Amino acid sequence: MKRDCITLAITGASGSQYGLRLLECLLAADKQVYLMISAPAQVVIATETEIKLPGRPGEQQTFLSELYNAKPGQLHVFGRDQWMSPVASGSNSARAMVICPCSSATLSSVAQGSSRDLIERAADVMIKERRQLILVTREMPVSSIHLENMLKLSNQDVTIMPASPGFYHQPQSISDLVDFVVARILDHLSIEQTLIPRWGEGLKD
């Protein structure tokens, strides 16, 4: 029986922790994951975390599978020019895709349908096939150009989900803030999560 499959792309915006935590949660939920990590994202991961990510996709696949206890065949990592990968075609792509975090450069390229690398092509496939695409943008402030690109994609039923953690669950750590955003992404993917309580849960009458 084939696992439910999600494509995840991590690009070069600050907030790589969101993407890595989402990867961990997707694997823990027994989802098959097609993963792409841009070159700028690798620089950000090295800057923002203590993870020493290898440079080659195959090595990344082995490293991350071991780090997050993935089952055999559960995680597949693709490079920017692997055009024969499943995500490059609507005939074999995943049911949903998340770009987390999504840089402004990637936002612009997806909005213009550039398809210059595998991440952009995978997003273009999701739009043309009318499948779920979530962009977790991480930029502030935003310019009119950013807003126009977001509106253009929103009109194509793309979900724009800025990485804006809430505070009603009284976070005690950075991990709590990361989990808030990841929980909302999982909710939109219809994947069960217990990372944070939902609004109104636990309130006394």
N, C-alpha and C. Protein backbone atom coordinates (compact mmCIF):
# COMPACT_ATOMS: atom_id res chain seq x y z
N MET A 1 0.84 -1.19 0.00
CA MET A 1 0.00 0.00 0.00
C MET A 1 0.88 1.25 0.00
N LYS A 2 0.66 2.15 -0.94
CA LYS A 2 1.47 3.35 -1.07
C LYS A 2 1.10 4.36 0.00
N ARG A 3 2.14 4.95 0.61
CA ARG A 3 1.90 5.99 1.62
C ARG A 3 1.36 7.26 0.97
N ASP A 4 0.57 8.01 1.74
CA ASP A 4 0.18 9.36 1.37
C ASP A 4 1.45 10.18 1.19
N CYS A 5 1.57 10.91 0.10
CA CYS A 5 2.83 11.56 -0.25
C CYS A 5 2.71 13.08 -0.25
N ILE A 6 3.68 13.73 0.37
CA ILE A 6 3.76 15.19 0.45
C ILE A 6 5.11 15.63 -0.09
N THR A 7 5.10 16.66 -0.93
CA THR A 7 6.35 17.27 -1.37
C THR A 7 6.68 18.44 -0.46
N LEU A 8 7.92 18.50 -0.01
CA LEU A 8 8.38 19.59 0.86
C LEU A 8 9.62 20.22 0.23
N ALA A 9 9.60 21.53 0.09
CA ALA A 9 10.76 22.27 -0.38
C ALA A 9 11.19 23.26 0.69
N ILE A 10 12.48 23.31 0.96
CA ILE A 10 13.04 24.26 1.92
C ILE A 10 13.91 25.22 1.12
N THR A 11 13.57 26.50 1.14
CA THR A 11 14.32 27.49 0.38
C THR A 11 15.08 28.43 1.31
N GLY A 12 15.72 29.45 0.74
CA GLY A 12 16.72 30.20 1.47
C GLY A 12 16.25 31.34 2.35
N ALA A 13 15.00 31.37 2.74
CA ALA A 13 14.56 32.37 3.72
C ALA A 13 14.98 31.95 5.12
N SER A 14 15.08 32.91 6.02
CA SER A 14 15.30 32.58 7.41
C SER A 14 14.11 31.79 7.93
N GLY A 15 14.37 30.87 8.85
CA GLY A 15 13.30 30.04 9.38
C GLY A 15 13.40 28.60 8.93
N SER A 16 14.62 28.14 8.69
CA SER A 16 14.80 26.75 8.27
C SER A 16 14.26 25.77 9.31
N GLN A 17 14.20 26.21 10.57
CA GLN A 17 13.66 25.34 11.63
C GLN A 17 12.23 24.92 11.34
N TYR A 18 11.45 25.79 10.71
CA TYR A 18 10.08 25.43 10.37
C TYR A 18 10.06 24.25 9.40
N GLY A 19 10.88 24.32 8.36
CA GLY A 19 10.90 23.25 7.37
C GLY A 19 11.41 21.94 7.93
N LEU A 20 12.46 22.00 8.74
CA LEU A 20 13.02 20.78 9.32
C LEU A 20 12.06 20.14 10.31
N ARG A 21 11.38 20.95 11.10
CA ARG A 21 10.41 20.40 12.06
C ARG A 21 9.21 19.80 11.31
N LEU A 22 8.80 20.46 10.23
CA LEU A 22 7.71 19.91 9.43
C LEU A 22 8.12 18.58 8.82
N LEU A 23 9.34 18.47 8.33
CA LEU A 23 9.83 17.20 7.80
C LEU A 23 9.76 16.12 8.87
N GLU A 24 10.23 16.44 10.07
CA GLU A 24 10.20 15.48 11.17
C GLU A 24 8.77 15.01 11.45
N CYS A 25 7.82 15.94 11.46
CA CYS A 25 6.43 15.59 11.76
C CYS A 25 5.78 14.78 10.64
N LEU A 26 6.09 15.10 9.40
CA LEU A 26 5.54 14.34 8.28
C LEU A 26 6.03 12.90 8.30
N LEU A 27 7.30 12.71 8.60
CA LEU A 27 7.84 11.35 8.67
C LEU A 27 7.24 10.60 9.86
N ALA A 28 7.08 11.29 10.99
CA ALA A 28 6.48 10.66 12.16
C ALA A 28 5.03 10.26 11.91
N ALA A 29 4.35 11.00 11.00
CA ALA A 29 2.96 10.69 10.64
C ALA A 29 2.88 9.63 9.55
N ASP A 30 4.01 9.03 9.21
CA ASP A 30 4.08 7.96 8.22
C ASP A 30 3.73 8.41 6.82
N LYS A 31 4.04 9.68 6.50
CA LYS A 31 3.85 10.18 5.15
C LYS A 31 5.11 9.93 4.33
N GLN A 32 4.94 9.65 3.07
CA GLN A 32 6.09 9.63 2.18
C GLN A 32 6.41 11.07 1.83
N VAL A 33 7.70 11.41 1.83
CA VAL A 33 8.09 12.80 1.61
C VAL A 33 9.08 12.88 0.44
N TYR A 34 8.74 13.74 -0.52
CA TYR A 34 9.67 14.14 -1.57
C TYR A 34 10.26 15.48 -1.13
N LEU A 35 11.55 15.51 -0.91
CA LEU A 35 12.19 16.69 -0.31
C LEU A 35 13.19 17.34 -1.27
N MET A 36 13.15 18.66 -1.33
CA MET A 36 14.14 19.44 -2.07
C MET A 36 14.65 20.56 -1.18
N ILE A 37 15.96 20.74 -1.14
CA ILE A 37 16.58 21.77 -0.33
C ILE A 37 17.45 22.61 -1.25
N SER A 38 17.12 23.88 -1.39
CA SER A 38 17.89 24.74 -2.30
C SER A 38 19.27 25.00 -1.73
N ALA A 39 20.19 25.44 -2.60
CA ALA A 39 21.54 25.78 -2.15
C ALA A 39 21.53 26.90 -1.11
N PRO A 40 20.75 27.99 -1.32
CA PRO A 40 20.68 29.00 -0.26
C PRO A 40 20.12 28.45 1.05
N ALA A 41 19.19 27.51 0.96
CA ALA A 41 18.63 26.91 2.18
C ALA A 41 19.70 26.15 2.96
N GLN A 42 20.60 25.51 2.25
CA GLN A 42 21.69 24.80 2.93
C GLN A 42 22.57 25.77 3.71
N VAL A 43 22.79 26.96 3.16
CA VAL A 43 23.56 27.98 3.87
C VAL A 43 22.80 28.44 5.11
N VAL A 44 21.49 28.65 4.97
CA VAL A 44 20.68 29.11 6.10
C VAL A 44 20.64 28.04 7.20
N ILE A 45 20.49 26.78 6.82
CA ILE A 45 20.47 25.70 7.80
C ILE A 45 21.77 25.68 8.60
N ALA A 46 22.89 25.85 7.91
CA ALA A 46 24.18 25.86 8.59
C ALA A 46 24.31 27.06 9.52
N THR A 47 23.64 28.17 9.18
CA THR A 47 23.71 29.40 9.98
C THR A 47 22.78 29.35 11.18
N GLU A 48 21.58 28.80 10.98
CA GLU A 48 20.53 28.88 12.01
C GLU A 48 20.44 27.65 12.92
N THR A 49 21.05 26.55 12.52
CA THR A 49 20.94 25.32 13.31
C THR A 49 22.32 24.71 13.52
N GLU A 50 22.35 23.65 14.30
CA GLU A 50 23.60 22.92 14.52
C GLU A 50 23.71 21.71 13.59
N ILE A 51 22.78 21.60 12.66
CA ILE A 51 22.78 20.48 11.72
C ILE A 51 23.86 20.68 10.66
N LYS A 52 24.69 19.69 10.46
CA LYS A 52 25.73 19.72 9.44
C LYS A 52 25.23 18.89 8.25
N LEU A 53 24.51 19.55 7.36
CA LEU A 53 23.86 18.86 6.25
C LEU A 53 24.85 18.60 5.12
N PRO A 54 24.94 17.37 4.64
CA PRO A 54 25.81 17.09 3.49
C PRO A 54 25.34 17.84 2.25
N GLY A 55 26.20 17.95 1.26
CA GLY A 55 25.89 18.75 0.09
C GLY A 55 25.11 18.03 -0.99
N ARG A 56 25.28 16.73 -1.14
CA ARG A 56 24.66 15.98 -2.22
C ARG A 56 23.30 15.42 -1.80
N PRO A 57 22.32 15.41 -2.73
CA PRO A 57 20.98 14.91 -2.38
C PRO A 57 20.96 13.50 -1.78
N GLY A 58 21.75 12.60 -2.35
CA GLY A 58 21.77 11.23 -1.82
C GLY A 58 22.29 11.18 -0.41
N GLU A 59 23.32 11.98 -0.13
CA GLU A 59 23.87 12.03 1.21
C GLU A 59 22.90 12.71 2.18
N GLN A 60 22.20 13.73 1.70
CA GLN A 60 21.18 14.38 2.52
C GLN A 60 20.07 13.40 2.87
N GLN A 61 19.68 12.58 1.90
CA GLN A 61 18.62 11.60 2.14
C GLN A 61 19.02 10.63 3.24
N THR A 62 20.24 10.13 3.18
CA THR A 62 20.71 9.20 4.21
C THR A 62 20.80 9.89 5.56
N PHE A 63 21.36 11.09 5.57
CA PHE A 63 21.56 11.83 6.83
C PHE A 63 20.22 12.14 7.49
N LEU A 64 19.27 12.68 6.74
CA LEU A 64 17.99 13.08 7.31
C LEU A 64 17.13 11.88 7.68
N SER A 65 17.24 10.80 6.92
CA SER A 65 16.51 9.57 7.25
C SER A 65 16.96 9.04 8.60
N GLU A 66 18.25 9.10 8.85
CA GLU A 66 18.78 8.63 10.13
C GLU A 66 18.43 9.62 11.25
N LEU A 67 18.51 10.91 10.95
CA LEU A 67 18.23 11.92 11.97
C LEU A 67 16.80 11.85 12.46
N TYR A 68 15.86 11.62 11.53
CA TYR A 68 14.44 11.64 11.88
C TYR A 68 13.79 10.26 11.86
N ASN A 69 14.60 9.22 11.87
CA ASN A 69 14.10 7.84 11.98
C ASN A 69 13.09 7.49 10.90
N ALA A 70 13.39 7.87 9.66
CA ALA A 70 12.50 7.53 8.55
C ALA A 70 12.55 6.04 8.26
N LYS A 71 11.43 5.51 7.82
CA LYS A 71 11.37 4.11 7.42
C LYS A 71 12.02 3.95 6.04
N PRO A 72 12.45 2.74 5.70
CA PRO A 72 13.06 2.53 4.39
C PRO A 72 12.15 3.00 3.25
N GLY A 73 12.67 3.80 2.35
CA GLY A 73 11.90 4.27 1.21
C GLY A 73 10.91 5.38 1.50
N GLN A 74 10.90 5.89 2.74
CA GLN A 74 9.91 6.91 3.11
C GLN A 74 10.32 8.31 2.66
N LEU A 75 11.63 8.59 2.66
CA LEU A 75 12.13 9.92 2.31
C LEU A 75 12.95 9.84 1.03
N HIS A 76 12.63 10.75 0.09
CA HIS A 76 13.39 10.85 -1.15
C HIS A 76 13.81 12.31 -1.31
N VAL A 77 15.11 12.53 -1.47
CA VAL A 77 15.64 13.89 -1.63
C VAL A 77 16.10 14.06 -3.08
N PHE A 78 15.68 15.16 -3.70
CA PHE A 78 16.00 15.42 -5.10
C PHE A 78 16.79 16.73 -5.23
N GLY A 79 17.71 16.75 -6.20
CA GLY A 79 18.48 17.94 -6.49
C GLY A 79 17.76 18.84 -7.47
N ARG A 80 18.27 20.05 -7.66
CA ARG A 80 17.59 21.08 -8.45
C ARG A 80 17.42 20.71 -9.92
N ASP A 81 18.25 19.80 -10.43
CA ASP A 81 18.20 19.46 -11.85
C ASP A 81 17.77 18.02 -12.12
N GLN A 82 17.14 17.38 -11.14
CA GLN A 82 16.69 16.00 -11.35
C GLN A 82 15.29 16.00 -11.99
N TRP A 83 15.28 16.27 -13.30
CA TRP A 83 14.02 16.47 -14.02
C TRP A 83 13.22 15.19 -14.20
N MET A 84 13.83 14.03 -13.95
CA MET A 84 13.09 12.77 -14.07
C MET A 84 12.46 12.35 -12.74
N SER A 85 12.55 13.20 -11.73
CA SER A 85 11.94 12.87 -10.44
C SER A 85 10.42 12.99 -10.52
N PRO A 86 9.69 12.30 -9.64
CA PRO A 86 8.22 12.31 -9.70
C PRO A 86 7.60 13.70 -9.62
N VAL A 87 8.24 14.62 -8.88
CA VAL A 87 7.62 15.94 -8.66
C VAL A 87 7.61 16.79 -9.92
N ALA A 88 8.34 16.39 -10.95
CA ALA A 88 8.44 17.18 -12.17
C ALA A 88 7.26 16.97 -13.11
N SER A 89 6.38 16.03 -12.78
CA SER A 89 5.27 15.72 -13.68
C SER A 89 3.98 15.54 -12.91
N GLY A 90 2.90 16.02 -13.48
CA GLY A 90 1.59 15.85 -12.86
C GLY A 90 1.11 14.42 -12.83
N SER A 91 1.74 13.55 -13.62
CA SER A 91 1.32 12.15 -13.66
C SER A 91 1.80 11.35 -12.46
N ASN A 92 2.73 11.94 -11.68
CA ASN A 92 3.29 11.16 -10.57
C ASN A 92 3.66 12.03 -9.37
N SER A 93 3.13 13.22 -9.30
CA SER A 93 3.50 14.10 -8.19
C SER A 93 2.65 13.80 -6.95
N ALA A 94 3.06 14.40 -5.83
CA ALA A 94 2.38 14.18 -4.56
C ALA A 94 1.02 14.87 -4.53
N ARG A 95 0.22 14.56 -3.50
CA ARG A 95 -1.12 15.17 -3.42
C ARG A 95 -1.05 16.62 -2.96
N ALA A 96 0.06 17.00 -2.29
CA ALA A 96 0.20 18.36 -1.78
C ALA A 96 1.67 18.71 -1.74
N MET A 97 1.94 20.02 -1.75
CA MET A 97 3.31 20.52 -1.65
C MET A 97 3.35 21.70 -0.71
N VAL A 98 4.41 21.75 0.09
CA VAL A 98 4.64 22.87 1.00
C VAL A 98 6.04 23.41 0.72
N ILE A 99 6.15 24.73 0.55
CA ILE A 99 7.46 25.37 0.49
C ILE A 99 7.63 26.10 1.81
N CYS A 100 8.56 25.61 2.62
CA CYS A 100 8.66 26.07 4.01
C CYS A 100 10.11 26.06 4.48
N PRO A 101 10.71 27.23 4.72
CA PRO A 101 10.16 28.54 4.43
C PRO A 101 10.25 28.85 2.94
N CYS A 102 9.46 29.82 2.52
CA CYS A 102 9.45 30.22 1.11
C CYS A 102 10.08 31.61 1.00
N SER A 103 11.20 31.68 0.31
CA SER A 103 11.88 32.96 0.13
C SER A 103 11.10 33.85 -0.84
N SER A 104 11.39 35.12 -0.81
CA SER A 104 10.73 36.05 -1.73
C SER A 104 11.11 35.74 -3.18
N ALA A 105 12.33 35.27 -3.38
CA ALA A 105 12.76 34.89 -4.73
C ALA A 105 11.94 33.71 -5.25
N THR A 106 11.71 32.72 -4.39
CA THR A 106 10.91 31.57 -4.80
C THR A 106 9.46 31.97 -5.01
N LEU A 107 8.94 32.81 -4.12
CA LEU A 107 7.59 33.34 -4.28
C LEU A 107 7.43 33.97 -5.66
N SER A 108 8.37 34.82 -6.04
CA SER A 108 8.31 35.50 -7.33
C SER A 108 8.37 34.51 -8.48
N SER A 109 9.28 33.54 -8.41
CA SER A 109 9.44 32.57 -9.49
C SER A 109 8.19 31.71 -9.66
N VAL A 110 7.60 31.29 -8.55
CA VAL A 110 6.38 30.49 -8.62
C VAL A 110 5.24 31.31 -9.20
N ALA A 111 5.14 32.57 -8.80
CA ALA A 111 4.07 33.44 -9.31
C ALA A 111 4.20 33.66 -10.80
N GLN A 112 5.43 33.66 -11.31
CA GLN A 112 5.66 33.89 -12.74
C GLN A 112 5.70 32.60 -13.55
N GLY A 113 5.63 31.44 -12.88
CA GLY A 113 5.67 30.16 -13.58
C GLY A 113 7.01 29.90 -14.24
N SER A 114 8.10 30.31 -13.59
CA SER A 114 9.43 30.24 -14.21
C SER A 114 9.90 28.82 -14.48
N SER A 115 9.76 27.94 -13.51
CA SER A 115 10.16 26.52 -13.64
C SER A 115 11.62 26.37 -14.05
N ARG A 116 12.50 27.18 -13.48
CA ARG A 116 13.92 27.11 -13.83
C ARG A 116 14.67 26.04 -13.07
N ASP A 117 14.13 25.58 -11.95
CA ASP A 117 14.73 24.48 -11.21
C ASP A 117 13.61 23.57 -10.73
N LEU A 118 13.97 22.48 -10.04
CA LEU A 118 12.97 21.47 -9.70
C LEU A 118 11.95 21.98 -8.70
N ILE A 119 12.36 22.83 -7.77
CA ILE A 119 11.40 23.38 -6.80
C ILE A 119 10.34 24.19 -7.53
N GLU A 120 10.77 25.07 -8.42
CA GLU A 120 9.83 25.90 -9.17
C GLU A 120 8.93 25.05 -10.06
N ARG A 121 9.51 24.04 -10.69
CA ARG A 121 8.72 23.16 -11.55
C ARG A 121 7.69 22.38 -10.73
N ALA A 122 8.10 21.88 -9.58
CA ALA A 122 7.17 21.12 -8.74
C ALA A 122 5.99 21.98 -8.32
N ALA A 123 6.26 23.24 -7.97
CA ALA A 123 5.17 24.15 -7.59
C ALA A 123 4.27 24.43 -8.78
N ASP A 124 4.87 24.60 -9.95
CA ASP A 124 4.09 24.85 -11.17
C ASP A 124 3.18 23.67 -11.48
N VAL A 125 3.68 22.47 -11.25
CA VAL A 125 2.87 21.26 -11.45
C VAL A 125 1.66 21.26 -10.53
N MET A 126 1.87 21.61 -9.26
CA MET A 126 0.76 21.60 -8.31
C MET A 126 -0.33 22.58 -8.73
N ILE A 127 0.09 23.74 -9.24
CA ILE A 127 -0.89 24.76 -9.66
C ILE A 127 -1.65 24.28 -10.88
N LYS A 128 -0.94 23.78 -11.87
CA LYS A 128 -1.62 23.39 -13.11
C LYS A 128 -2.51 22.17 -12.92
N GLU A 129 -2.14 21.30 -11.96
CA GLU A 129 -2.94 20.11 -11.68
C GLU A 129 -4.04 20.37 -10.65
N ARG A 130 -4.14 21.62 -10.19
CA ARG A 130 -5.14 22.02 -9.20
C ARG A 130 -5.00 21.21 -7.90
N ARG A 131 -3.75 21.01 -7.49
CA ARG A 131 -3.49 20.32 -6.23
C ARG A 131 -3.07 21.33 -5.17
N GLN A 132 -3.00 20.87 -3.95
CA GLN A 132 -2.76 21.78 -2.82
C GLN A 132 -1.31 22.25 -2.80
N LEU A 133 -1.13 23.56 -2.73
CA LEU A 133 0.19 24.17 -2.61
C LEU A 133 0.15 25.21 -1.49
N ILE A 134 1.06 25.08 -0.55
CA ILE A 134 1.15 25.99 0.59
C ILE A 134 2.52 26.66 0.56
N LEU A 135 2.53 27.98 0.62
CA LEU A 135 3.77 28.74 0.69
C LEU A 135 3.88 29.39 2.07
N VAL A 136 4.88 28.98 2.82
CA VAL A 136 5.11 29.54 4.15
C VAL A 136 6.13 30.66 4.00
N THR A 137 5.63 31.85 3.72
CA THR A 137 6.50 32.98 3.46
C THR A 137 7.13 33.49 4.75
N ARG A 138 8.36 34.01 4.63
CA ARG A 138 9.07 34.48 5.82
C ARG A 138 9.88 35.71 5.41
N GLU A 139 9.19 36.85 5.43
CA GLU A 139 9.82 38.10 5.04
C GLU A 139 9.11 39.24 5.74
N MET A 140 9.85 40.25 6.18
CA MET A 140 9.24 41.44 6.76
C MET A 140 10.21 42.62 6.68
N PRO A 141 9.71 43.80 6.36
CA PRO A 141 8.36 44.05 5.84
C PRO A 141 8.24 43.51 4.42
N VAL A 142 7.03 43.50 3.90
CA VAL A 142 6.81 43.05 2.54
C VAL A 142 6.55 44.25 1.64
N SER A 143 7.04 44.16 0.41
CA SER A 143 6.84 45.23 -0.55
C SER A 143 5.56 45.00 -1.34
N SER A 144 5.19 45.98 -2.13
CA SER A 144 4.02 45.83 -3.01
C SER A 144 4.25 44.69 -4.00
N ILE A 145 5.50 44.49 -4.40
CA ILE A 145 5.81 43.37 -5.31
C ILE A 145 5.49 42.04 -4.64
N HIS A 146 5.93 41.88 -3.38
CA HIS A 146 5.63 40.65 -2.65
C HIS A 146 4.11 40.44 -2.54
N LEU A 147 3.41 41.50 -2.17
CA LEU A 147 1.96 41.40 -2.00
C LEU A 147 1.26 41.07 -3.31
N GLU A 148 1.72 41.65 -4.39
CA GLU A 148 1.13 41.34 -5.70
C GLU A 148 1.36 39.88 -6.07
N ASN A 149 2.55 39.37 -5.79
CA ASN A 149 2.82 37.96 -6.07
C ASN A 149 1.96 37.04 -5.21
N MET A 150 1.79 37.39 -3.94
CA MET A 150 0.93 36.60 -3.06
C MET A 150 -0.51 36.60 -3.55
N LEU A 151 -1.01 37.77 -3.95
CA LEU A 151 -2.38 37.86 -4.43
C LEU A 151 -2.56 37.05 -5.71
N LYS A 152 -1.59 37.15 -6.60
CA LYS A 152 -1.66 36.40 -7.85
C LYS A 152 -1.77 34.90 -7.59
N LEU A 153 -0.97 34.40 -6.64
CA LEU A 153 -1.01 32.98 -6.32
C LEU A 153 -2.26 32.61 -5.53
N SER A 154 -2.69 33.48 -4.63
CA SER A 154 -3.91 33.22 -3.88
C SER A 154 -5.11 33.08 -4.82
N ASN A 155 -5.12 33.86 -5.89
CA ASN A 155 -6.19 33.76 -6.89
C ASN A 155 -6.13 32.46 -7.67
N GLN A 156 -5.01 31.73 -7.55
CA GLN A 156 -4.88 30.41 -8.15
C GLN A 156 -5.09 29.30 -7.11
N ASP A 157 -5.69 29.67 -5.98
CA ASP A 157 -5.98 28.74 -4.88
C ASP A 157 -4.75 28.23 -4.16
N VAL A 158 -3.64 28.96 -4.27
CA VAL A 158 -2.46 28.65 -3.47
C VAL A 158 -2.66 29.25 -2.07
N THR A 159 -2.33 28.50 -1.04
CA THR A 159 -2.46 29.00 0.33
C THR A 159 -1.19 29.74 0.72
N ILE A 160 -1.35 31.01 1.07
CA ILE A 160 -0.23 31.82 1.53
C ILE A 160 -0.29 31.84 3.06
N MET A 161 0.71 31.26 3.68
CA MET A 161 0.69 31.09 5.13
C MET A 161 1.97 31.68 5.74
N PRO A 162 1.98 32.98 6.01
CA PRO A 162 3.18 33.58 6.60
C PRO A 162 3.55 32.91 7.92
N ALA A 163 4.84 32.79 8.16
CA ALA A 163 5.32 32.18 9.40
C ALA A 163 5.13 33.18 10.54
N SER A 164 3.90 33.24 11.05
CA SER A 164 3.54 34.21 12.09
C SER A 164 2.98 33.46 13.29
N PRO A 165 3.85 33.02 14.19
CA PRO A 165 3.36 32.23 15.33
C PRO A 165 2.48 33.05 16.25
N GLY A 166 1.48 32.38 16.82
CA GLY A 166 0.62 33.02 17.81
C GLY A 166 1.18 32.85 19.21
N PHE A 167 0.54 33.52 20.15
CA PHE A 167 1.03 33.51 21.52
C PHE A 167 -0.04 33.11 22.54
N TYR A 168 -1.24 32.74 22.04
CA TYR A 168 -2.31 32.42 22.99
C TYR A 168 -2.05 31.12 23.73
N HIS A 169 -1.12 30.28 23.22
CA HIS A 169 -0.79 29.05 23.93
C HIS A 169 0.39 29.25 24.90
N GLN A 170 0.78 30.50 25.11
CA GLN A 170 1.82 30.89 26.06
C GLN A 170 3.12 30.11 25.82
N PRO A 171 3.75 30.34 24.67
CA PRO A 171 4.98 29.61 24.35
C PRO A 171 6.09 29.89 25.35
N GLN A 172 6.86 28.86 25.66
CA GLN A 172 7.94 28.98 26.62
C GLN A 172 9.32 28.87 25.97
N SER A 173 9.35 28.58 24.66
CA SER A 173 10.63 28.37 23.99
C SER A 173 10.47 28.67 22.50
N ILE A 174 11.61 28.75 21.82
CA ILE A 174 11.59 28.90 20.36
C ILE A 174 10.91 27.70 19.73
N SER A 175 11.13 26.53 20.29
CA SER A 175 10.50 25.32 19.75
C SER A 175 8.98 25.42 19.78
N ASP A 176 8.44 26.03 20.82
CA ASP A 176 6.99 26.22 20.91
C ASP A 176 6.48 27.12 19.78
N LEU A 177 7.25 28.16 19.45
CA LEU A 177 6.86 29.06 18.37
C LEU A 177 6.93 28.35 17.02
N VAL A 178 7.97 27.56 16.83
CA VAL A 178 8.09 26.77 15.60
C VAL A 178 6.93 25.81 15.48
N ASP A 179 6.60 25.13 16.57
CA ASP A 179 5.52 24.13 16.54
C ASP A 179 4.17 24.77 16.22
N PHE A 180 3.97 26.01 16.64
CA PHE A 180 2.70 26.69 16.32
C PHE A 180 2.51 26.76 14.81
N VAL A 181 3.54 27.21 14.10
CA VAL A 181 3.44 27.34 12.65
C VAL A 181 3.32 25.97 11.99
N VAL A 182 4.12 25.02 12.44
CA VAL A 182 4.07 23.67 11.85
C VAL A 182 2.71 23.03 12.08
N ALA A 183 2.14 23.25 13.25
CA ALA A 183 0.82 22.70 13.54
C ALA A 183 -0.23 23.22 12.57
N ARG A 184 -0.17 24.52 12.26
CA ARG A 184 -1.14 25.10 11.33
C ARG A 184 -0.96 24.53 9.92
N ILE A 185 0.29 24.27 9.54
CA ILE A 185 0.53 23.64 8.24
C ILE A 185 -0.06 22.24 8.21
N LEU A 186 0.17 21.47 9.26
CA LEU A 186 -0.37 20.11 9.34
C LEU A 186 -1.89 20.13 9.30
N ASP A 187 -2.50 21.10 9.96
CA ASP A 187 -3.96 21.24 9.92
C ASP A 187 -4.43 21.41 8.47
N HIS A 188 -3.76 22.25 7.72
CA HIS A 188 -4.16 22.49 6.33
C HIS A 188 -3.91 21.29 5.43
N LEU A 189 -2.98 20.44 5.84
CA LEU A 189 -2.72 19.20 5.09
C LEU A 189 -3.64 18.06 5.54
N SER A 190 -4.50 18.35 6.51
CA SER A 190 -5.42 17.34 7.08
C SER A 190 -4.65 16.18 7.69
N ILE A 191 -3.57 16.53 8.39
CA ILE A 191 -2.77 15.54 9.10
C ILE A 191 -2.93 15.78 10.60
N GLU A 192 -3.30 14.75 11.33
CA GLU A 192 -3.51 14.90 12.77
C GLU A 192 -2.25 15.39 13.46
N GLN A 193 -2.42 16.31 14.41
CA GLN A 193 -1.29 16.83 15.16
C GLN A 193 -1.70 17.16 16.58
N THR A 194 -0.74 17.03 17.48
CA THR A 194 -0.96 17.38 18.89
C THR A 194 0.12 18.35 19.37
N LEU A 195 0.66 19.13 18.45
CA LEU A 195 1.76 20.03 18.80
C LEU A 195 1.30 21.17 19.69
N ILE A 196 0.11 21.70 19.40
CA ILE A 196 -0.41 22.82 20.20
C ILE A 196 -1.89 22.60 20.45
N PRO A 197 -2.43 23.13 21.55
CA PRO A 197 -3.88 23.06 21.76
C PRO A 197 -4.60 23.99 20.79
N ARG A 198 -5.79 23.59 20.39
CA ARG A 198 -6.56 24.44 19.49
C ARG A 198 -7.25 25.57 20.27
N TRP A 199 -7.60 26.60 19.55
CA TRP A 199 -8.23 27.76 20.19
C TRP A 199 -9.47 27.33 20.95
N GLY A 200 -9.53 27.71 22.22
CA GLY A 200 -10.69 27.41 23.05
C GLY A 200 -10.60 26.11 23.81
N GLU A 201 -9.64 25.23 23.45
CA GLU A 201 -9.51 23.96 24.16
C GLU A 201 -8.96 24.21 25.57
N GLY A 202 -9.52 23.55 26.52
CA GLY A 202 -9.03 23.65 27.89
C GLY A 202 -9.55 24.86 28.65
N LEU A 203 -10.40 25.67 28.01
CA LEU A 203 -10.95 26.82 28.72
C LEU A 203 -12.03 26.40 29.70
N LYS A 204 -12.06 27.02 30.85
CA LYS A 204 -13.06 26.71 31.86
C LYS A 204 -14.36 27.42 31.54
N ASP A 205 -15.48 26.78 31.89
CA ASP A 205 -16.80 27.41 31.68
C ASP A 205 -16.97 28.59 32.63
